[in-house]
Each structure stands twice: as structure tokens, then as C-alpha cells.
Protein backbone atom coordinates (compact mmCIF):
# COMPACT_ATOMS: atom_id res chain seq x y z
CA MET A 1 9.67 74.84 83.60
CA ALA A 2 10.63 78.52 83.73
CA THR A 3 13.81 77.81 85.61
CA ALA A 4 14.83 75.12 83.09
CA ALA A 5 14.02 77.52 80.20
CA LEU A 6 16.15 80.20 81.72
CA SER A 7 19.19 77.92 82.50
CA LEU A 8 19.29 76.34 79.02
CA PRO A 9 20.52 79.48 77.13
CA ALA A 10 23.10 80.03 79.92
CA LEU A 11 24.50 76.56 79.60
CA THR A 12 24.54 76.85 75.85
CA GLY A 13 26.30 80.24 76.11
CA ASP A 14 29.01 78.68 78.40
CA ALA A 15 29.48 75.81 75.94
CA ASP A 16 29.96 78.25 73.13
CA ARG A 17 32.28 80.48 75.26
CA TYR A 18 34.73 77.72 75.93
CA LYS A 19 34.52 75.63 72.64
CA ASN A 20 37.80 77.12 71.16
CA ARG A 21 39.68 76.93 74.33
CA TYR A 22 42.25 74.38 73.18
CA ILE A 23 42.90 76.21 69.88
CA ILE A 24 43.48 79.38 72.04
CA ALA A 25 45.75 77.49 74.36
CA MET A 26 47.85 76.25 71.39
CA THR A 27 48.01 79.84 70.06
CA VAL A 28 49.21 81.58 73.13
CA SER A 29 51.57 78.69 73.97
CA LEU A 30 53.08 78.97 70.49
CA ALA A 31 53.62 82.66 71.00
CA SER A 32 55.18 82.14 74.51
CA VAL A 33 57.59 79.43 73.27
CA LEU A 34 58.76 81.82 70.56
CA GLU A 35 59.42 84.54 73.15
CA LEU A 36 61.20 82.18 75.54
CA LEU A 37 63.38 80.48 72.86
CA ASP A 38 64.67 83.83 71.74
CA THR A 39 65.80 84.63 75.22
CA SER A 40 68.54 81.97 75.01
CA ILE A 41 68.73 80.74 71.36
CA VAL A 42 71.17 83.53 70.32
CA ASN A 43 73.80 82.74 72.99
CA VAL A 44 75.47 79.85 71.00
CA ALA A 45 75.57 82.02 67.88
CA ILE A 46 77.44 84.84 69.49
CA PRO A 47 80.96 83.90 68.12
CA HIS A 48 79.53 83.77 64.56
CA MET A 49 77.91 87.13 65.01
CA MET A 50 81.24 88.62 66.36
CA GLY A 51 83.11 87.39 63.21
CA ASN A 52 80.42 88.47 60.76
CA LEU A 53 79.72 91.96 62.26
CA GLY A 54 83.30 92.62 63.45
CA ALA A 55 82.22 93.12 67.07
CA THR A 56 84.00 92.53 70.40
CA LEU A 57 82.57 90.21 72.96
CA ASP A 58 81.59 93.19 75.13
CA GLU A 59 79.75 94.77 72.13
CA ILE A 60 78.03 91.70 70.92
CA ALA A 61 76.73 90.96 74.50
CA TRP A 62 74.19 93.75 73.88
CA VAL A 63 72.32 91.55 71.40
CA SER A 64 71.31 89.35 74.30
CA THR A 65 71.22 92.12 77.01
CA GLY A 66 69.07 94.45 74.88
CA TYR A 67 66.40 91.79 74.26
CA ILE A 68 66.20 90.76 77.98
CA VAL A 69 66.20 94.37 79.23
CA ALA A 70 63.23 95.24 76.90
CA ASN A 71 61.56 92.15 77.97
CA VAL A 72 61.57 92.83 81.61
CA ILE A 73 60.50 96.53 81.15
CA ILE A 74 57.40 95.45 79.24
CA LEU A 75 56.41 92.52 81.52
CA PRO A 76 54.88 94.43 84.45
CA ILE A 77 52.85 96.81 82.32
CA THR A 78 51.25 94.23 79.99
CA GLY A 79 48.08 94.30 82.00
CA TRP A 80 47.75 97.99 81.56
CA LEU A 81 48.71 97.94 77.88
CA SER A 82 46.27 95.16 77.30
CA ALA A 83 43.42 97.18 78.88
CA TYR A 84 44.47 100.29 77.00
CA PHE A 85 44.68 98.96 73.50
CA GLY A 86 42.27 96.01 73.89
CA ARG A 87 43.60 92.50 74.53
CA ARG A 88 43.13 91.06 71.01
CA ARG A 89 44.76 94.16 69.31
CA TYR A 90 47.66 94.24 71.77
CA PHE A 91 48.38 90.50 71.64
CA ALA A 92 48.22 90.41 67.80
CA GLY A 93 50.24 93.62 67.58
CA SER A 94 52.98 92.26 69.77
CA ILE A 95 53.24 89.18 67.52
CA VAL A 96 53.55 91.53 64.45
CA ILE A 97 56.32 93.55 66.23
CA PHE A 98 58.10 90.31 67.16
CA VAL A 99 57.94 88.91 63.56
CA ILE A 100 58.96 92.12 61.77
CA SER A 101 61.84 92.63 64.11
CA SER A 102 62.92 89.01 63.77
CA PHE A 103 63.17 89.60 59.97
CA PHE A 104 65.36 92.72 60.53
CA CYS A 105 67.51 91.02 63.08
CA GLY A 106 68.32 88.25 60.51
CA ASN A 107 68.83 90.85 57.84
CA ALA A 108 71.13 93.11 60.03
CA HIS A 109 74.49 94.13 58.50
CA SER A 110 75.76 96.22 61.53
CA LEU A 111 75.96 95.72 65.24
CA ALA A 112 73.86 98.88 65.94
CA SER A 113 71.07 97.60 63.68
CA LEU A 114 71.02 94.16 65.22
CA VAL A 115 70.85 95.64 68.79
CA PHE A 116 68.16 98.02 67.88
CA TRP A 117 65.91 95.27 66.40
CA ARG A 118 66.62 92.89 69.27
CA ILE A 119 65.43 95.62 71.66
CA THR A 120 62.32 96.03 69.50
CA GLN A 121 61.82 92.26 69.38
CA GLY A 122 62.04 92.19 73.24
CA LEU A 123 59.34 94.86 73.52
CA GLY A 124 57.01 92.68 71.36
CA GLY A 125 57.96 89.34 73.00
CA GLY A 126 57.46 90.67 76.61
CA ALA A 127 53.73 90.89 76.05
CA LEU A 128 53.35 87.31 75.01
CA LEU A 129 54.09 85.65 78.38
CA SER A 130 51.85 87.28 80.84
CA THR A 131 49.06 88.20 78.46
CA SER A 132 49.05 84.55 77.37
CA GLN A 133 48.48 83.52 80.97
CA ALA A 134 45.63 86.05 81.50
CA ILE A 135 44.01 84.87 78.26
CA LEU A 136 44.01 81.19 79.43
CA TYR A 137 42.48 81.96 82.81
CA GLU A 138 39.56 83.78 81.09
CA GLU A 139 39.03 81.26 78.17
CA PHE A 140 39.10 78.13 80.27
CA PRO A 141 36.40 77.12 82.90
CA ARG A 142 37.58 77.38 86.43
CA GLU A 143 37.79 73.57 86.80
CA GLU A 144 40.23 73.33 83.97
CA TYR A 145 42.63 75.95 85.11
CA GLY A 146 45.20 73.30 85.87
CA THR A 147 45.04 72.00 82.40
CA ALA A 148 45.37 75.47 80.95
CA MET A 149 48.45 76.24 83.09
CA ALA A 150 50.00 72.84 82.24
CA ILE A 151 49.77 73.56 78.51
CA PHE A 152 51.29 76.99 79.19
CA GLY A 153 53.89 75.64 81.57
CA VAL A 154 55.27 73.14 79.03
CA GLY A 155 56.51 76.16 76.97
CA VAL A 156 57.85 77.96 79.93
CA MET A 157 59.90 75.06 81.14
CA VAL A 158 60.92 73.52 77.79
CA GLY A 159 61.59 76.78 75.87
CA PRO A 160 64.66 77.95 77.95
CA THR A 161 66.04 74.40 78.09
CA LEU A 162 66.01 73.71 74.34
CA GLY A 163 66.94 77.20 73.10
CA PRO A 164 70.73 76.83 73.19
CA THR A 165 70.57 73.32 71.55
CA LEU A 166 68.23 74.50 68.75
CA GLY A 167 70.25 77.54 68.28
CA GLY A 168 73.51 75.58 67.91
CA TYR A 169 71.96 73.22 65.36
CA ILE A 170 70.36 76.08 63.21
CA THR A 171 73.62 78.11 63.31
CA ASP A 172 75.76 75.14 62.31
CA ALA A 173 73.49 74.01 59.54
CA PHE A 174 72.16 77.27 58.13
CA GLY A 175 73.96 80.22 59.56
CA TRP A 176 73.08 82.62 62.50
CA PRO A 177 70.44 84.74 60.66
CA TRP A 178 68.23 81.64 60.52
CA ILE A 179 67.74 81.68 64.31
CA PHE A 180 65.70 84.83 63.63
CA TYR A 181 64.12 83.86 60.28
CA ILE A 182 62.68 80.68 61.87
CA ASN A 183 60.45 82.90 63.96
CA ILE A 184 58.64 84.29 60.90
CA PRO A 185 56.47 81.30 59.81
CA ILE A 186 55.75 80.25 63.38
CA GLY A 187 54.87 83.80 64.31
CA MET A 188 52.64 84.22 61.20
CA LEU A 189 50.74 81.07 62.26
CA ALA A 190 50.29 82.37 65.83
CA LEU A 191 49.18 85.77 64.35
CA ALA A 192 46.51 84.12 62.17
CA LEU A 193 45.17 82.03 65.05
CA SER A 194 45.14 84.98 67.48
CA LEU A 195 43.17 87.18 64.96
CA ASN A 196 40.61 84.40 64.52
CA PHE A 197 40.05 83.09 68.04
CA ILE A 198 41.36 85.58 70.67
CA GLN A 199 38.77 88.19 71.85
CA ASN A 200 38.98 91.19 74.16
CA SER A 201 38.59 90.74 77.81
CA ARG A 202 35.21 91.01 79.36
CA TYR A 203 36.73 92.21 82.70
CA GLN A 204 39.38 94.89 81.89
CA GLN A 205 38.57 98.57 81.91
CA LYS A 206 40.54 100.99 79.82
CA ALA A 207 42.72 103.39 81.89
CA GLU A 208 41.48 106.91 81.98
CA ALA A 209 44.90 108.51 82.04
CA VAL A 210 48.46 107.60 81.18
CA ASP A 211 50.94 107.50 84.03
CA TYR A 212 53.93 108.77 81.99
CA VAL A 213 56.01 109.42 85.12
CA GLY A 214 55.51 105.82 86.26
CA LEU A 215 56.34 104.42 82.87
CA LEU A 216 59.56 106.36 82.80
CA LEU A 217 60.66 105.43 86.31
CA LEU A 218 59.80 101.79 85.51
CA ALA A 219 61.74 101.66 82.32
CA VAL A 220 64.86 103.29 83.92
CA GLY A 221 64.65 101.20 87.17
CA ILE A 222 64.01 97.79 85.64
CA GLY A 223 66.27 98.44 82.67
CA THR A 224 69.30 99.42 84.72
CA LEU A 225 68.77 96.69 87.12
CA GLN A 226 68.67 94.08 84.29
CA THR A 227 71.63 95.65 82.57
CA MET A 228 73.63 95.43 85.88
CA LEU A 229 72.82 91.77 86.27
CA GLU A 230 73.74 91.12 82.64
CA ARG A 231 77.04 92.95 82.69
CA GLY A 232 78.10 92.61 86.34
CA GLU A 233 80.13 89.50 86.14
CA ARG A 234 82.00 90.69 82.93
CA LEU A 235 82.77 94.03 84.65
CA ASP A 236 83.77 92.53 88.10
CA TRP A 237 80.62 93.81 89.76
CA PHE A 238 81.08 96.76 92.10
CA GLU A 239 84.74 97.07 91.30
CA SER A 240 83.39 98.79 88.16
CA ARG A 241 82.03 102.34 88.36
CA GLU A 242 79.64 101.49 85.51
CA VAL A 243 78.00 98.70 87.55
CA MET A 244 77.88 100.95 90.58
CA ALA A 245 76.05 103.69 88.52
CA TYR A 246 73.52 101.07 87.19
CA GLY A 247 72.86 99.86 90.81
CA LEU A 248 72.40 103.42 92.13
CA ILE A 249 70.13 104.55 89.33
CA SER A 250 68.06 101.36 89.51
CA ALA A 251 67.58 101.75 93.31
CA VAL A 252 66.56 105.39 93.18
CA SER A 253 64.19 104.84 90.17
CA LEU A 254 62.53 101.85 91.70
CA ILE A 255 61.94 103.56 95.03
CA ALA A 256 60.47 106.57 93.25
CA PHE A 257 58.37 104.29 91.05
CA THR A 258 56.88 102.52 94.06
CA TRP A 259 55.96 105.72 95.69
CA GLN A 260 54.49 107.09 92.41
CA GLU A 261 52.38 103.90 91.76
CA LEU A 262 51.00 103.85 95.33
CA THR A 263 49.94 107.51 95.34
CA THR A 264 48.73 108.13 91.84
CA GLU A 265 45.07 107.64 90.96
CA HIS A 266 45.77 105.76 87.63
CA PRO A 267 48.94 103.69 88.17
CA VAL A 268 50.58 101.92 85.14
CA VAL A 269 51.35 99.01 87.46
CA ASP A 270 48.84 98.50 90.25
CA LEU A 271 51.13 97.59 93.18
CA ARG A 272 48.20 97.63 95.51
CA ILE A 273 47.36 94.10 94.41
CA LEU A 274 50.36 92.91 96.45
CA LYS A 275 48.11 93.52 99.54
CA SER A 276 47.05 90.04 98.67
CA ARG A 277 49.43 87.99 100.80
CA GLN A 278 48.86 84.98 98.56
CA LEU A 279 50.09 86.98 95.49
CA ALA A 280 53.00 88.58 97.40
CA ILE A 281 54.38 85.18 98.61
CA GLY A 282 53.63 83.60 95.20
CA VAL A 283 55.67 86.39 93.53
CA VAL A 284 58.60 85.83 95.92
CA PHE A 285 58.41 82.06 95.41
CA GLY A 286 58.26 82.60 91.63
CA GLY A 287 61.49 84.61 91.83
CA VAL A 288 63.13 81.61 93.61
CA LEU A 289 61.81 79.32 90.99
CA GLY A 290 63.38 81.58 88.26
CA VAL A 291 66.74 81.47 90.07
CA CYS A 292 66.84 77.78 90.26
CA LEU A 293 65.38 76.99 86.79
CA TYR A 294 67.56 79.41 84.78
CA ALA A 295 70.71 78.94 86.80
CA THR A 296 70.70 75.16 86.44
CA VAL A 297 69.78 75.58 82.64
CA PHE A 298 72.82 77.82 82.44
CA VAL A 299 75.28 75.73 84.53
CA LEU A 300 74.63 72.30 83.14
CA PRO A 301 75.39 72.91 79.44
CA VAL A 302 78.69 74.76 80.60
CA TYR A 303 79.64 71.61 82.57
CA LEU A 304 78.75 69.30 79.68
CA GLN A 305 80.53 71.29 76.99
CA ASN A 306 83.60 72.44 78.98
CA LEU A 307 84.45 69.24 80.94
CA GLN A 308 82.73 66.48 78.95
CA ASN A 309 83.46 68.07 75.56
CA PHE A 310 79.90 67.50 74.36
CA THR A 311 78.68 69.31 71.25
CA ALA A 312 75.53 71.55 71.49
CA GLU A 313 73.60 68.75 69.77
CA GLN A 314 74.80 66.09 72.39
CA THR A 315 73.98 68.51 75.19
CA GLY A 316 70.42 68.70 73.78
CA PHE A 317 70.02 64.97 73.77
CA VAL A 318 71.19 64.81 77.49
CA ILE A 319 68.71 67.59 78.47
CA LEU A 320 65.79 66.47 76.42
CA PRO A 321 64.56 63.59 78.72
CA GLY A 322 64.31 65.97 81.59
CA ALA A 323 62.42 68.56 79.62
CA LEU A 324 59.97 65.79 78.43
CA ALA A 325 59.54 64.65 82.02
CA SER A 326 58.68 68.18 83.11
CA ALA A 327 56.18 68.45 80.26
CA PHE A 328 54.51 65.03 81.17
CA THR A 329 54.39 65.92 84.91
CA MET A 330 52.63 69.17 84.20
CA ALA A 331 50.11 67.52 81.90
CA VAL A 332 49.29 64.99 84.71
CA MET A 333 49.24 67.79 87.26
CA GLY A 334 46.82 69.73 85.08
CA ARG A 335 44.25 66.98 85.38
CA PHE A 336 44.39 66.90 89.15
CA THR A 337 44.90 70.56 90.16
CA GLY A 338 42.01 71.83 92.20
CA ARG A 339 41.42 68.49 93.88
CA PHE A 340 44.01 68.91 96.64
CA ASP A 341 46.03 71.49 98.50
CA GLY A 342 48.49 72.90 95.83
CA ARG A 343 51.14 73.45 98.61
CA LEU A 344 51.60 69.70 98.94
CA SER A 345 52.56 69.42 95.28
CA ILE A 346 55.00 72.26 95.68
CA LEU A 347 56.56 70.65 98.78
CA ALA A 348 56.93 67.38 96.77
CA GLY A 349 58.34 69.20 93.83
CA VAL A 350 61.01 71.04 95.82
CA SER A 351 61.97 67.97 97.50
CA ILE A 352 62.47 66.03 94.36
CA PHE A 353 64.27 69.05 92.87
CA ALA A 354 66.70 69.03 95.80
CA LEU A 355 67.25 65.27 95.44
CA SER A 356 68.09 65.85 91.83
CA MET A 357 70.64 68.59 92.74
CA TRP A 358 72.30 66.20 95.25
CA LYS A 359 72.61 63.69 92.51
CA HIS A 360 73.99 66.43 90.15
CA ALA A 361 76.57 67.13 92.86
CA HIS A 362 77.99 63.58 92.38
CA PHE A 363 78.77 64.09 88.67
CA THR A 364 82.45 63.78 87.89
CA THR A 365 84.71 64.44 84.95
CA GLN A 366 84.24 60.70 83.95
CA SER A 367 80.37 60.75 84.07
CA GLY A 368 78.59 59.46 81.04
CA MET A 369 75.16 59.64 79.44
CA ALA A 370 73.67 57.01 81.77
CA ASP A 371 74.81 59.05 84.85
CA PHE A 372 72.88 62.12 83.74
CA PHE A 373 69.57 60.45 82.84
CA TRP A 374 67.79 59.94 86.23
CA PRO A 375 69.05 63.19 87.86
CA LEU A 376 67.64 65.15 84.97
CA ILE A 377 64.41 63.18 85.01
CA PHE A 378 64.08 64.05 88.76
CA ARG A 379 64.76 67.70 88.08
CA GLY A 380 62.07 67.73 85.29
CA VAL A 381 59.51 66.02 87.51
CA GLY A 382 60.23 68.40 90.45
CA LEU A 383 59.88 71.57 88.36
CA GLY A 384 56.64 70.05 86.79
CA LEU A 385 55.10 69.54 90.20
CA ILE A 386 55.85 73.18 91.22
CA PHE A 387 54.80 75.38 88.25
CA VAL A 388 51.11 74.74 87.84
CA PRO A 389 50.03 74.86 91.53
CA LEU A 390 52.37 77.71 92.37
CA THR A 391 50.86 79.83 89.51
CA ASN A 392 47.26 78.96 90.51
CA LEU A 393 48.04 79.60 94.27
CA ALA A 394 49.62 82.94 93.62
CA LEU A 395 46.60 84.30 91.73
CA ALA A 396 43.93 82.48 93.77
CA ASP A 397 42.68 85.55 95.68
CA LEU A 398 42.62 88.10 92.76
CA PRO A 399 39.42 88.93 90.99
CA MET A 400 39.49 88.16 87.21
CA SER A 401 39.91 91.88 86.39
CA ARG A 402 43.25 91.96 88.25
CA ILE A 403 44.63 88.66 86.74
CA PRO A 404 46.54 90.43 83.93
CA ASN A 405 48.38 92.67 86.53
CA GLY A 406 49.06 89.60 88.71
CA THR A 407 50.50 87.44 85.85
CA GLY A 408 52.71 90.40 84.79
CA LEU A 409 54.22 90.77 88.29
CA PHE A 410 54.53 86.98 88.56
CA ASN A 411 56.41 86.67 85.23
CA LEU A 412 58.51 89.68 85.96
CA MET A 413 59.78 88.17 89.18
CA ARG A 414 60.49 84.81 87.55
CA GLN A 415 62.40 86.48 84.68
CA LEU A 416 64.42 88.73 87.17
CA GLY A 417 65.00 85.69 89.34
CA GLY A 418 66.37 83.91 86.25
CA SER A 419 68.70 86.85 85.52
CA VAL A 420 69.84 86.84 89.18
CA GLY A 421 70.46 83.01 89.00
CA ILE A 422 72.51 83.26 85.82
CA ALA A 423 74.58 86.31 87.02
CA VAL A 424 75.23 84.58 90.39
CA SER A 425 76.13 81.22 88.95
CA ALA A 426 78.49 82.78 86.30
CA THR A 427 80.28 84.67 89.07
CA LEU A 428 80.40 81.92 91.62
CA VAL A 429 81.63 79.17 89.21
CA GLN A 430 84.77 81.27 88.62
CA ARG A 431 85.18 82.24 92.30
CA PHE A 432 84.70 78.61 93.49
CA GLN A 433 87.16 77.41 90.79
CA GLN A 434 89.83 79.74 92.08
CA ILE A 435 89.29 78.60 95.65
CA HIS A 436 89.34 74.86 94.82
CA ARG A 437 92.36 75.30 92.52
CA ALA A 438 94.39 77.04 95.30
CA ASP A 439 93.39 74.14 97.68
CA LEU A 440 94.36 71.48 95.11
CA ILE A 441 97.59 73.18 94.16
CA ALA A 442 98.61 73.29 97.95
CA ASN A 443 98.76 69.52 97.80
CA VAL A 444 100.30 69.14 94.36
CA THR A 445 104.03 69.62 95.20
CA GLN A 446 107.32 67.87 94.39
CA PHE A 447 107.25 66.44 97.96
CA SER A 448 104.00 64.61 97.27
CA GLU A 449 104.39 60.90 96.33
CA ALA A 450 101.07 60.99 94.50
CA THR A 451 102.18 64.02 92.43
CA ARG A 452 105.48 62.25 91.52
CA ALA A 453 103.76 59.19 90.47
CA ARG A 454 101.17 61.12 88.34
CA LEU A 455 103.99 63.06 86.57
CA ALA A 456 105.89 59.92 85.92
CA GLY A 457 102.92 58.26 84.41
CA ILE A 458 102.31 61.26 82.13
CA MET A 459 105.83 61.46 81.03
CA ALA A 460 105.94 57.76 80.29
CA THR A 461 102.88 58.27 78.03
CA LEU A 462 104.54 61.20 76.31
CA LEU A 463 107.78 59.47 75.75
CA ALA A 464 106.07 56.44 74.40
CA ASN A 465 104.42 58.70 71.78
CA GLY A 466 107.79 60.03 70.58
CA THR A 467 108.03 63.21 72.62
CA PRO A 468 111.70 64.23 73.48
CA LEU A 469 112.65 64.02 77.09
CA PRO A 470 113.29 67.74 77.77
CA LEU A 471 109.97 68.65 76.03
CA ALA A 472 108.15 65.74 77.82
CA GLU A 473 108.96 67.32 81.29
CA SER A 474 107.40 70.63 80.46
CA LYS A 475 104.40 69.07 78.63
CA ALA A 476 103.86 66.80 81.66
CA LEU A 477 103.65 69.84 83.97
CA ARG A 478 101.14 71.55 81.67
CA VAL A 479 99.02 68.31 81.49
CA LEU A 480 99.05 68.13 85.31
CA ASP A 481 98.11 71.82 85.56
CA LEU A 482 95.22 71.26 83.08
CA GLN A 483 94.06 68.22 85.21
CA VAL A 484 94.03 70.30 88.33
CA THR A 485 92.12 73.11 86.64
CA ARG A 486 89.52 70.72 85.35
CA GLN A 487 89.08 69.10 88.88
CA ALA A 488 88.72 72.52 90.44
CA LEU A 489 86.02 73.44 87.82
CA MET A 490 84.31 70.10 88.56
CA LEU A 491 84.29 70.83 92.23
CA SER A 492 82.89 74.28 91.70
CA PHE A 493 79.92 72.83 89.53
CA GLU A 494 79.24 70.29 92.35
CA GLN A 495 79.17 73.09 94.90
CA LEU A 496 76.78 75.19 92.73
CA PHE A 497 74.29 72.32 92.25
CA LEU A 498 74.16 71.88 96.03
CA LEU A 499 73.74 75.55 96.49
CA PHE A 500 70.70 75.85 94.18
CA GLY A 501 69.11 72.84 95.78
CA ALA A 502 69.51 74.30 99.21
CA CYS A 503 68.19 77.70 97.91
CA PHE A 504 64.89 76.06 96.93
CA VAL A 505 64.63 74.05 100.16
CA LEU A 506 65.20 77.13 102.27
CA SER A 507 62.28 78.87 100.52
CA LEU A 508 59.84 76.24 101.71
CA PRO A 509 58.79 78.14 104.89
CA LEU A 510 57.10 80.61 102.52
CA LEU A 511 54.43 77.96 101.99
CA LEU A 512 53.29 78.36 105.54
CA LEU A 513 52.39 81.99 104.82
CA MET A 514 50.04 80.97 102.02
CA HIS A 515 46.50 79.90 102.97
CA LYS A 516 45.27 76.40 102.36
CA SER A 517 43.71 76.77 98.94
CA LYS A 518 42.93 74.63 95.94
CA GLY A 519 44.41 77.48 93.92
CA MET A 520 41.54 78.53 91.58
CA PRO A 521 42.34 82.09 90.33
CA GLY A 522 39.53 84.58 89.69
CA GLY A 523 37.85 83.61 93.03
CA GLY A 524 37.41 87.23 94.01
CA ALA A 525 35.50 88.10 90.85
CA ALA A 526 32.08 87.96 92.42
CA ALA A 527 33.03 90.42 95.12
CA HIS A 528 33.93 92.97 92.54
């Protein structure tokens, strides 16, 4: 009887503790989607901003670069900031910063003002991702961690995918300031919910001192690294002294930062948690996931809009089924996570993703909507099978008090991986196009029967449409040159898709270094 009497309040307390978990999941997911949408939503509005603000392409690029640089600087220190200010206050405060800066971004009348508020917006938004994950791990019972990460993962996967499409629609229909103003009502809803339902962590302890040296070194090191990745392709990488300076400053700062954090008593980023092999491998695999996710999100719309002449809205309809497939897969995975070895799900996901990239590599300039459907469905399913078990596996050996630091490092590596993927794909698509164009031109000569036949066909069409003979000859050559350029670009896209599929497959041996685990984070809490 005594035992029963003692256990009843405990059970009641657990029931009360978790009763608002789905409202909290909706709250943090809403905030995370806002942050991720703003990473990519502005890209399609860049030409409109240039005209409105009188800025060059190089200048306006800082609207995107400033946000992402601020984002990656804040990501690894969110655990420390959350403990220092209190999780509820820090999360709500970050939403306030994000919403206020969104208003001033939309109201900006100069480039300097817009860049300043975008940086401020990035500082607010960076907190929302990793803090959201840490909140979910504490507010859900261990047997429902898969469900929690599935809810969160939907935003992580769908947000970057739909950002450009939504941005294009809003810009065309209402004007570019509204891509920022739309954040305000959604952010206010997230703020109201967070103030009502999110509580301070029961596990975090406030830092006794502020590691100002570590903060400065981290900001300089990560900031210059991200800036180098953002501007490298535009400045021709290490042919530019500016890029070389970014690389050197970043390397020196990050080496000094690592030494500082490993030797100081109160580090701002506790790198010692990387002694957990499970987390270290998970962080590396998360970086590979970021490369493949963001690179394919970047390359596919470029292919659809440059070679297929799709509008932003049409591109969105092509991408949407894959995003929905990813969300559905994660929802299903959330129900079964913890019942089997998570590495098997990752293996299946990477295999399906590679199959999707192989099918992507068979796209042509003549491909249509029906040709895109199943490859994108496979891509969505593959990524959906990877995200939930990978996150849980990476954090499986950490005590609950270290989860915020772990999620910060995991999200940082995924974000940096995404930046590397976009930078590499933007550079390679041009390099591959030059190589393939040179190969094609070598076979397009006046001695080639196929070339003469193609030119004759083009000229016949031009003459039939009333073009004078002397003009038809020069126009035919220009048309043929354009066709060669288009085919070279198509071949470069095919090569890139295969490259990213192979990149993910080659990372699979990392799974052998992770122990067989059902991937339930917080497992070390009892030992602490």
C-alpha cells in the first residue's frame, strides 16, 4: 500500500509534466520554420532589392551572407546562452529580436540598414533551431523522442525547400518587404505560445564566468569561414586575396578557439563533449547531410528555371511532393524510432537518396513534370529516413544537461555543411559546364555531317519564318551555340547529382564507428 501511495503522485507528476508537449512541439517547430525559411526566402527577391536600393549584386549579397554568418556564429553557443539567461527568457527573447528585426528589414530604405537588421535577425534566429531541439528532448518522454524529432524534422527539411518558392510568390504578389513582414504575425504567435508553455530547463546550470576570449575567437573564426564560403565562388576562390585573408583568419581563430575551450575552466562551447564518439561521428555525418540536402535544394531549382524555363511557382509545385514525402516519412519514423537499430534506417535512407540522385542524373532538357515526380519522392523518403535516427543516435550518449551543447554543435555542422554544399555546387556547375562545352565544341565543326544537318535544319526554320538569308546564317550559328551551351549545362547538372549521391554513399562507413543503439538521448543523465 505504501509503495502504491508513493508511486501515484510520481505518475501524476509525469502526466502533468508532459501534458503540453504537443503544443510545445508546435511552438518550437513554428519558430524553427521561420528561421529556416529566412535562410533562403530572400534569394529570389535579390533583383528587386537591387533595383529598389540601388545596390550592385556584390553589395546586395550581404543581405543573405550577413544573416547566415550571424546564424552560424550563434548556433554553437546557444546551449551556453540558454543556461546563462534561462531557457524560457532566451528563447522568447530570440523570437522578439527576430520579429523586431523582420519589421525593420521590411522597412529598410538603404542597403546598410537592411544588412544591419538582417545580421540582427540572424542572431535572433540562430537560437531557435538548437534550443528547439533541446526543449523537445526535455519536454517529451524518452519513448516519444522519435515523434518529437519527426515534428521538428519536418520544418528542417521542408523549410529550406519551400523558401525560394514562397519568396518568389510573395515578391511577385506583394513586393519584397513582405517576405519580412510575413514573419511578424507568425512570430507573435510563436512568442505568445512560448511565454505560456515553455519553462526553464531543470538540468542546465548557469555559467559562473563569461569566456569573452572564446566568444571573440568563435565569432571571428566561424564568421570569416562562412563569409569565405558565401563569397568564394563570386571572387574566384583563392585567386582572390580577400578570400585568402578570410581563410587564414578563420584557420588561426578556430585553432586558437579550440585551444581556449579545451583549457579554460568555463568554456563558452564545451568541446569536451566530443569525447563521445557517438556525438563526434554524428556531427560529421550531420555535416554530410547538410552538404547533400542544401546542395540539391540549390541545384535543382537552378536546373528547372534555367533549362526548363519554369517559374518560381512551377518550381515549387515540382518540389512540393518530395517535401511532403519527407514529412510523411519522418512522421512514420517517429512512431517506430527506438524499436530498432537506427543505423539500419540511415543505411536505407542513404541508399534511397543515392537511387534518387541516379535518377536525377537521367534528367534531360526535354524532361517534364512526370519525369521529376518519383525521383523527388525517393529523395524525400531517403532524407526522411535519415534525419530522426541520426539526430537521436548522435545525442544518445549525452546526459540531459549536455543536450543543448550537443544540439548546437550538430546544427552548426549541418548548417556549415549546407554552406559548403552550396559553395561547391555553385563553383562546380560552372567548371563542369566549361569542360563539357569544350568537349562538345570539339565535335561541332564544319566537317561534321551531324553539325551541317543541324545547321541546315535551323536555317530552314528561320527562312520559313521570313528571316533573310544572310541574317539566317548568323542566327543559325547563334542558335547552335546556345544549344551546345544548354547541353553542356545539362551534363554538368547530371554530373553534380551523381557526385552528391556518391558523397553520401561514401560516408556510410562512419556508421560502423557508431555503437548499436536505439538512439535515445539523455541516457547518461543518471550517471550525472
